[in-house]
Amino acid sequence: MTCETCSRATRGWFEGCLTASAIIESFFLFLFGLVSVDRLAVLSVMDFVRAVLIGVPIILTGMLVILFCVCALSGIPSAVAIWVSERLCIRSLAFFGLVGGLAGAAGQIVLYGSFDNLGWLFVVAGGFAGLHYWRVAGRFAGTQARQSER
Protein backbone atom coordinates (compact mmCIF):
# COMPACT_ATOMS: atom_id res chain seq x y z
CA MET A 1 0.00 0.00 0.00
CA THR A 2 1.27 3.43 -0.82
CA CYS A 3 1.24 6.32 1.58
CA GLU A 4 -1.76 7.88 -0.17
CA THR A 5 -3.75 4.65 0.03
CA CYS A 6 -2.86 4.13 3.68
CA SER A 7 -3.83 7.71 4.52
CA ARG A 8 -7.16 7.40 2.72
CA ALA A 9 -7.90 4.06 4.41
CA THR A 10 -7.05 5.42 7.86
CA ARG A 11 -9.22 8.49 7.33
CA GLY A 12 -12.07 6.31 6.07
CA TRP A 13 -11.78 3.97 9.06
CA PHE A 14 -11.78 6.82 11.57
CA GLU A 15 -14.74 8.53 9.89
CA GLY A 16 -16.54 5.18 9.90
CA CYS A 17 -15.87 4.96 13.65
CA LEU A 18 -17.32 8.45 14.05
CA THR A 19 -20.40 7.37 12.10
CA ALA A 20 -20.94 4.28 14.25
CA SER A 21 -20.40 6.31 17.42
CA ALA A 22 -22.93 8.92 16.31
CA ILE A 23 -25.55 6.23 15.63
CA ILE A 24 -25.03 4.56 19.01
CA GLU A 25 -25.00 7.89 20.87
CA SER A 26 -28.14 9.05 19.04
CA PHE A 27 -29.96 5.88 20.06
CA PHE A 28 -29.12 6.38 23.72
CA LEU A 29 -29.99 10.07 23.60
CA PHE A 30 -33.33 9.16 22.02
CA LEU A 31 -34.01 6.68 24.84
CA PHE A 32 -33.02 9.27 27.42
CA GLY A 33 -35.34 11.78 25.77
CA LEU A 34 -38.24 9.33 25.87
CA VAL A 35 -37.72 8.70 29.57
CA SER A 36 -37.48 12.36 30.54
CA VAL A 37 -40.01 13.96 28.17
CA ASP A 38 -42.78 14.33 30.81
CA ARG A 39 -40.33 15.80 33.32
CA LEU A 40 -39.34 18.62 30.96
CA ALA A 41 -42.84 20.11 31.01
CA VAL A 42 -42.50 21.19 34.65
CA LEU A 43 -38.92 22.53 34.55
CA SER A 44 -38.28 26.15 35.40
CA VAL A 45 -35.74 28.17 33.44
CA MET A 46 -33.05 27.66 36.10
CA ASP A 47 -33.71 23.90 36.17
CA PHE A 48 -33.29 23.85 32.39
CA VAL A 49 -30.01 25.82 32.59
CA ARG A 50 -28.70 23.43 35.27
CA ALA A 51 -29.72 20.44 33.18
CA VAL A 52 -27.87 21.81 30.16
CA LEU A 53 -24.75 22.71 32.17
CA ILE A 54 -24.63 19.24 33.69
CA GLY A 55 -25.91 17.31 30.68
CA VAL A 56 -23.65 18.64 27.93
CA PRO A 57 -20.36 17.56 29.58
CA ILE A 58 -21.86 14.16 30.35
CA ILE A 59 -23.02 13.74 26.75
CA LEU A 60 -19.62 14.79 25.37
CA THR A 61 -17.83 12.40 27.71
CA GLY A 62 -20.19 9.63 26.66
CA MET A 63 -19.47 10.37 23.00
CA LEU A 64 -15.72 10.11 23.59
CA VAL A 65 -16.09 6.84 25.50
CA ILE A 66 -18.25 5.35 22.76
CA LEU A 67 -15.80 6.55 20.07
CA PHE A 68 -12.88 5.00 21.95
CA CYS A 69 -14.72 1.68 22.32
CA VAL A 70 -15.76 1.64 18.66
CA CYS A 71 -12.20 2.36 17.51
CA ALA A 72 -10.73 -0.27 19.83
CA LEU A 73 -13.24 -2.97 18.87
CA SER A 74 -13.21 -2.32 15.13
CA GLY A 75 -9.48 -1.89 14.58
CA ILE A 76 -8.48 -5.46 13.77
CA PRO A 77 -11.60 -6.51 11.80
CA SER A 78 -11.43 -3.29 9.80
CA ALA A 79 -7.74 -3.70 9.05
CA VAL A 80 -8.38 -7.21 7.72
CA ALA A 81 -11.32 -6.04 5.59
CA ILE A 82 -9.34 -3.09 4.22
CA TRP A 83 -6.38 -5.32 3.39
CA VAL A 84 -8.63 -7.86 1.61
CA SER A 85 -10.43 -5.14 -0.35
CA GLU A 86 -7.14 -3.54 -1.43
CA ARG A 87 -5.54 -6.86 -2.32
CA LEU A 88 -8.53 -8.17 -4.30
CA CYS A 89 -9.64 -4.75 -5.63
CA ILE A 90 -13.09 -5.08 -4.05
CA ARG A 91 -15.00 -1.82 -4.41
CA SER A 92 -18.50 -3.08 -3.69
CA LEU A 93 -20.76 -0.98 -1.50
CA ALA A 94 -22.47 -4.18 -0.34
CA PHE A 95 -19.13 -5.70 0.70
CA PHE A 96 -18.25 -2.78 2.96
CA GLY A 97 -21.76 -2.55 4.42
CA LEU A 98 -21.78 -6.28 5.17
CA VAL A 99 -18.27 -6.31 6.61
CA GLY A 100 -19.12 -3.29 8.77
CA GLY A 101 -22.20 -5.06 10.10
CA LEU A 102 -20.17 -8.19 10.84
CA ALA A 103 -17.55 -6.08 12.64
CA GLY A 104 -20.36 -4.53 14.70
CA ALA A 105 -21.67 -7.99 15.60
CA ALA A 106 -18.17 -9.10 16.55
CA GLY A 107 -17.81 -6.00 18.73
CA GLN A 108 -21.09 -6.84 20.49
CA ILE A 109 -19.87 -10.36 21.19
CA VAL A 110 -16.50 -9.16 22.48
CA LEU A 111 -18.12 -6.53 24.73
CA TYR A 112 -20.97 -8.57 26.16
CA GLY A 113 -20.01 -12.18 25.50
CA SER A 114 -23.16 -12.87 23.50
CA PHE A 115 -25.29 -11.45 20.73
CA ASP A 116 -28.55 -10.31 22.25
CA ASN A 117 -30.50 -7.25 23.39
CA LEU A 118 -28.64 -4.42 21.63
CA GLY A 119 -26.93 -6.59 19.02
CA TRP A 120 -29.02 -5.07 16.25
CA LEU A 121 -27.75 -1.59 17.21
CA PHE A 122 -24.13 -2.66 16.79
CA VAL A 123 -24.89 -4.33 13.45
CA VAL A 124 -26.71 -1.24 12.14
CA ALA A 125 -23.98 1.11 13.38
CA GLY A 126 -21.28 -1.11 11.86
CA GLY A 127 -23.17 -1.33 8.57
CA PHE A 128 -23.44 2.43 8.31
CA ALA A 129 -19.78 2.75 9.28
CA GLY A 130 -18.88 0.37 6.43
CA LEU A 131 -20.99 2.40 3.99
CA HIS A 132 -19.26 5.57 5.13
CA TYR A 133 -15.86 3.91 4.72
CA TRP A 134 -16.82 3.01 1.15
CA ARG A 135 -17.74 6.66 0.45
CA VAL A 136 -14.38 7.89 1.72
CA ALA A 137 -11.95 5.17 0.66
CA GLY A 138 -13.53 1.86 -0.35
CA ARG A 139 -14.61 2.93 -3.80
CA PHE A 140 -10.93 3.50 -4.62
CA ALA A 141 -9.76 0.10 -3.29
CA GLY A 142 -7.04 -1.50 -5.35
CA THR A 143 -6.44 1.45 -7.67
CA GLN A 144 -2.75 1.55 -6.72
CA ALA A 145 -2.35 -2.16 -7.48
CA ARG A 146 -3.96 -1.76 -10.91
CA GLN A 147 -1.83 1.27 -11.76
CA SER A 148 1.39 -0.55 -10.83
CA GLU A 149 0.45 -3.45 -13.14
CA ARG A 150 0.35 -1.14 -16.14
C-alpha atoms as a PDB file:
ATOM      1  CA  MET A   1       0.000   0.000   0.000  1.00  0.00           C
ATOM      2  CA  THR A   2       1.267   3.427  -0.824  1.00  0.00           C
ATOM      3  CA  CYS A   3       1.244   6.318   1.585  1.00  0.00           C
ATOM      4  CA  GLU A   4      -1.762   7.884  -0.167  1.00  0.00           C
ATOM      5  CA  THR A   5      -3.752   4.646   0.033  1.00  0.00           C
ATOM      6  CA  CYS A   6      -2.857   4.134   3.682  1.00  0.00           C
ATOM      7  CA  SER A   7      -3.829   7.711   4.516  1.00  0.00           C
ATOM      8  CA  ARG A   8      -7.163   7.404   2.721  1.00  0.00           C
ATOM      9  CA  ALA A   9      -7.897   4.058   4.413  1.00  0.00           C
ATOM     10  CA  THR A  10      -7.052   5.424   7.858  1.00  0.00           C
ATOM     11  CA  ARG A  11      -9.218   8.494   7.325  1.00  0.00           C
ATOM     12  CA  GLY A  12     -12.069   6.308   6.074  1.00  0.00           C
ATOM     13  CA  TRP A  13     -11.778   3.967   9.060  1.00  0.00           C
ATOM     14  CA  PHE A  14     -11.785   6.820  11.567  1.00  0.00           C
ATOM     15  CA  GLU A  15     -14.737   8.531   9.889  1.00  0.00           C
ATOM     16  CA  GLY A  16     -16.543   5.184   9.903  1.00  0.00           C
ATOM     17  CA  CYS A  17     -15.873   4.960  13.651  1.00  0.00           C
ATOM     18  CA  LEU A  18     -17.318   8.452  14.054  1.00  0.00           C
ATOM     19  CA  THR A  19     -20.401   7.374  12.099  1.00  0.00           C
ATOM     20  CA  ALA A  20     -20.941   4.281  14.247  1.00  0.00           C
ATOM     21  CA  SER A  21     -20.402   6.306  17.420  1.00  0.00           C
ATOM     22  CA  ALA A  22     -22.933   8.916  16.314  1.00  0.00           C
ATOM     23  CA  ILE A  23     -25.550   6.232  15.630  1.00  0.00           C
ATOM     24  CA  ILE A  24     -25.026   4.555  19.008  1.00  0.00           C
ATOM     25  CA  GLU A  25     -25.004   7.887  20.867  1.00  0.00           C
ATOM     26  CA  SER A  26     -28.137   9.053  19.036  1.00  0.00           C
ATOM     27  CA  PHE A  27     -29.959   5.876  20.056  1.00  0.00           C
ATOM     28  CA  PHE A  28     -29.119   6.375  23.723  1.00  0.00           C
ATOM     29  CA  LEU A  29     -29.992  10.074  23.600  1.00  0.00           C
ATOM     30  CA  PHE A  30     -33.325   9.160  22.024  1.00  0.00           C
ATOM     31  CA  LEU A  31     -34.013   6.680  24.840  1.00  0.00           C
ATOM     32  CA  PHE A  32     -33.021   9.271  27.423  1.00  0.00           C
ATOM     33  CA  GLY A  33     -35.337  11.778  25.768  1.00  0.00           C
ATOM     34  CA  LEU A  34     -38.240   9.328  25.871  1.00  0.00           C
ATOM     35  CA  VAL A  35     -37.722   8.704  29.566  1.00  0.00           C
ATOM     36  CA  SER A  36     -37.476  12.358  30.543  1.00  0.00           C
ATOM     37  CA  VAL A  37     -40.006  13.965  28.174  1.00  0.00           C
ATOM     38  CA  ASP A  38     -42.776  14.332  30.811  1.00  0.00           C
ATOM     39  CA  ARG A  39     -40.326  15.804  33.322  1.00  0.00           C
ATOM     40  CA  LEU A  40     -39.342  18.623  30.956  1.00  0.00           C
ATOM     41  CA  ALA A  41     -42.840  20.111  31.011  1.00  0.00           C
ATOM     42  CA  VAL A  42     -42.496  21.193  34.651  1.00  0.00           C
ATOM     43  CA  LEU A  43     -38.920  22.534  34.550  1.00  0.00           C
ATOM     44  CA  SER A  44     -38.281  26.147  35.401  1.00  0.00           C
ATOM     45  CA  VAL A  45     -35.738  28.172  33.438  1.00  0.00           C
ATOM     46  CA  MET A  46     -33.054  27.655  36.096  1.00  0.00           C
ATOM     47  CA  ASP A  47     -33.708  23.903  36.165  1.00  0.00           C
ATOM     48  CA  PHE A  48     -33.291  23.851  32.390  1.00  0.00           C
ATOM     49  CA  VAL A  49     -30.014  25.816  32.587  1.00  0.00           C
ATOM     50  CA  ARG A  50     -28.701  23.434  35.267  1.00  0.00           C
ATOM     51  CA  ALA A  51     -29.716  20.435  33.178  1.00  0.00           C
ATOM     52  CA  VAL A  52     -27.867  21.811  30.155  1.00  0.00           C
ATOM     53  CA  LEU A  53     -24.754  22.714  32.165  1.00  0.00           C
ATOM     54  CA  ILE A  54     -24.626  19.244  33.688  1.00  0.00           C
ATOM     55  CA  GLY A  55     -25.910  17.305  30.680  1.00  0.00           C
ATOM     56  CA  VAL A  56     -23.648  18.644  27.927  1.00  0.00           C
ATOM     57  CA  PRO A  57     -20.356  17.557  29.579  1.00  0.00           C
ATOM     58  CA  ILE A  58     -21.863  14.161  30.355  1.00  0.00           C
ATOM     59  CA  ILE A  59     -23.018  13.742  26.752  1.00  0.00           C
ATOM     60  CA  LEU A  60     -19.625  14.794  25.365  1.00  0.00           C
ATOM     61  CA  THR A  61     -17.832  12.405  27.709  1.00  0.00           C
ATOM     62  CA  GLY A  62     -20.194   9.631  26.655  1.00  0.00           C
ATOM     63  CA  MET A  63     -19.474  10.367  23.003  1.00  0.00           C
ATOM     64  CA  LEU A  64     -15.719  10.108  23.590  1.00  0.00           C
ATOM     65  CA  VAL A  65     -16.087   6.840  25.503  1.00  0.00           C
ATOM     66  CA  ILE A  66     -18.247   5.354  22.760  1.00  0.00           C
ATOM     67  CA  LEU A  67     -15.801   6.545  20.072  1.00  0.00           C
ATOM     68  CA  PHE A  68     -12.882   5.004  21.953  1.00  0.00           C
ATOM     69  CA  CYS A  69     -14.719   1.675  22.323  1.00  0.00           C
ATOM     70  CA  VAL A  70     -15.759   1.637  18.660  1.00  0.00           C
ATOM     71  CA  CYS A  71     -12.200   2.361  17.512  1.00  0.00           C
ATOM     72  CA  ALA A  72     -10.734  -0.275  19.826  1.00  0.00           C
ATOM     73  CA  LEU A  73     -13.240  -2.967  18.867  1.00  0.00           C
ATOM     74  CA  SER A  74     -13.213  -2.315  15.130  1.00  0.00           C
ATOM     75  CA  GLY A  75      -9.481  -1.892  14.577  1.00  0.00           C
ATOM     76  CA  ILE A  76      -8.476  -5.456  13.767  1.00  0.00           C
ATOM     77  CA  PRO A  77     -11.598  -6.508  11.798  1.00  0.00           C
ATOM     78  CA  SER A  78     -11.435  -3.288   9.799  1.00  0.00           C
ATOM     79  CA  ALA A  79      -7.739  -3.696   9.046  1.00  0.00           C
ATOM     80  CA  VAL A  80      -8.379  -7.214   7.717  1.00  0.00           C
ATOM     81  CA  ALA A  81     -11.324  -6.042   5.590  1.00  0.00           C
ATOM     82  CA  ILE A  82      -9.344  -3.095   4.218  1.00  0.00           C
ATOM     83  CA  TRP A  83      -6.382  -5.321   3.388  1.00  0.00           C
ATOM     84  CA  VAL A  84      -8.628  -7.861   1.613  1.00  0.00           C
ATOM     85  CA  SER A  85     -10.425  -5.141  -0.354  1.00  0.00           C
ATOM     86  CA  GLU A  86      -7.142  -3.537  -1.429  1.00  0.00           C
ATOM     87  CA  ARG A  87      -5.540  -6.863  -2.317  1.00  0.00           C
ATOM     88  CA  LEU A  88      -8.530  -8.167  -4.301  1.00  0.00           C
ATOM     89  CA  CYS A  89      -9.639  -4.751  -5.625  1.00  0.00           C
ATOM     90  CA  ILE A  90     -13.091  -5.077  -4.048  1.00  0.00           C
ATOM     91  CA  ARG A  91     -15.000  -1.817  -4.414  1.00  0.00           C
ATOM     92  CA  SER A  92     -18.504  -3.082  -3.692  1.00  0.00           C
ATOM     93  CA  LEU A  93     -20.764  -0.978  -1.505  1.00  0.00           C
ATOM     94  CA  ALA A  94     -22.473  -4.178  -0.342  1.00  0.00           C
ATOM     95  CA  PHE A  95     -19.126  -5.697   0.700  1.00  0.00           C
ATOM     96  CA  PHE A  96     -18.252  -2.777   2.961  1.00  0.00           C
ATOM     97  CA  GLY A  97     -21.760  -2.555   4.425  1.00  0.00           C
ATOM     98  CA  LEU A  98     -21.783  -6.284   5.171  1.00  0.00           C
ATOM     99  CA  VAL A  99     -18.269  -6.314   6.611  1.00  0.00           C
ATOM    100  CA  GLY A 100     -19.119  -3.288   8.767  1.00  0.00           C
ATOM    101  CA  GLY A 101     -22.205  -5.064  10.099  1.00  0.00           C
ATOM    102  CA  LEU A 102     -20.172  -8.185  10.844  1.00  0.00           C
ATOM    103  CA  ALA A 103     -17.553  -6.080  12.638  1.00  0.00           C
ATOM    104  CA  GLY A 104     -20.362  -4.528  14.697  1.00  0.00           C
ATOM    105  CA  ALA A 105     -21.674  -7.988  15.598  1.00  0.00           C
ATOM    106  CA  ALA A 106     -18.167  -9.096  16.551  1.00  0.00           C
ATOM    107  CA  GLY A 107     -17.814  -5.998  18.733  1.00  0.00           C
ATOM    108  CA  GLN A 108     -21.093  -6.838  20.488  1.00  0.00           C
ATOM    109  CA  ILE A 109     -19.873 -10.361  21.190  1.00  0.00           C
ATOM    110  CA  VAL A 110     -16.501  -9.156  22.483  1.00  0.00           C
ATOM    111  CA  LEU A 111     -18.118  -6.533  24.728  1.00  0.00           C
ATOM    112  CA  TYR A 112     -20.975  -8.569  26.156  1.00  0.00           C
ATOM    113  CA  GLY A 113     -20.015 -12.184  25.499  1.00  0.00           C
ATOM    114  CA  SER A 114     -23.162 -12.873  23.500  1.00  0.00           C
ATOM    115  CA  PHE A 115     -25.291 -11.452  20.732  1.00  0.00           C
ATOM    116  CA  ASP A 116     -28.551 -10.308  22.246  1.00  0.00           C
ATOM    117  CA  ASN A 117     -30.500  -7.250  23.389  1.00  0.00           C
ATOM    118  CA  LEU A 118     -28.641  -4.424  21.631  1.00  0.00           C
ATOM    119  CA  GLY A 119     -26.932  -6.586  19.023  1.00  0.00           C
ATOM    120  CA  TRP A 120     -29.018  -5.069  16.246  1.00  0.00           C
ATOM    121  CA  LEU A 121     -27.748  -1.589  17.214  1.00  0.00           C
ATOM    122  CA  PHE A 122     -24.129  -2.656  16.785  1.00  0.00           C
ATOM    123  CA  VAL A 123     -24.889  -4.330  13.449  1.00  0.00           C
ATOM    124  CA  VAL A 124     -26.713  -1.240  12.137  1.00  0.00           C
ATOM    125  CA  ALA A 125     -23.975   1.106  13.382  1.00  0.00           C
ATOM    126  CA  GLY A 126     -21.281  -1.113  11.856  1.00  0.00           C
ATOM    127  CA  GLY A 127     -23.170  -1.334   8.567  1.00  0.00           C
ATOM    128  CA  PHE A 128     -23.438   2.431   8.309  1.00  0.00           C
ATOM    129  CA  ALA A 129     -19.776   2.748   9.276  1.00  0.00           C
ATOM    130  CA  GLY A 130     -18.882   0.375   6.432  1.00  0.00           C
ATOM    131  CA  LEU A 131     -20.986   2.399   3.994  1.00  0.00           C
ATOM    132  CA  HIS A 132     -19.261   5.573   5.132  1.00  0.00           C
ATOM    133  CA  TYR A 133     -15.863   3.905   4.717  1.00  0.00           C
ATOM    134  CA  TRP A 134     -16.822   3.014   1.153  1.00  0.00           C
ATOM    135  CA  ARG A 135     -17.743   6.656   0.450  1.00  0.00           C
ATOM    136  CA  VAL A 136     -14.381   7.893   1.725  1.00  0.00           C
ATOM    137  CA  ALA A 137     -11.948   5.170   0.655  1.00  0.00           C
ATOM    138  CA  GLY A 138     -13.528   1.859  -0.349  1.00  0.00           C
ATOM    139  CA  ARG A 139     -14.610   2.934  -3.802  1.00  0.00           C
ATOM    140  CA  PHE A 140     -10.930   3.498  -4.622  1.00  0.00           C
ATOM    141  CA  ALA A 141      -9.764   0.102  -3.294  1.00  0.00           C
ATOM    142  CA  GLY A 142      -7.038  -1.504  -5.346  1.00  0.00           C
ATOM    143  CA  THR A 143      -6.437   1.455  -7.674  1.00  0.00           C
ATOM    144  CA  GLN A 144      -2.747   1.553  -6.720  1.00  0.00           C
ATOM    145  CA  ALA A 145      -2.350  -2.160  -7.480  1.00  0.00           C
ATOM    146  CA  ARG A 146      -3.961  -1.764 -10.907  1.00  0.00           C
ATOM    147  CA  GLN A 147      -1.828   1.270 -11.757  1.00  0.00           C
ATOM    148  CA  SER A 148       1.388  -0.549 -10.830  1.00  0.00           C
ATOM    149  CA  GLU A 149       0.448  -3.448 -13.138  1.00  0.00           C
ATOM    150  CA  ARG A 150       0.345  -1.143 -16.145  1.00  0.00           C
END
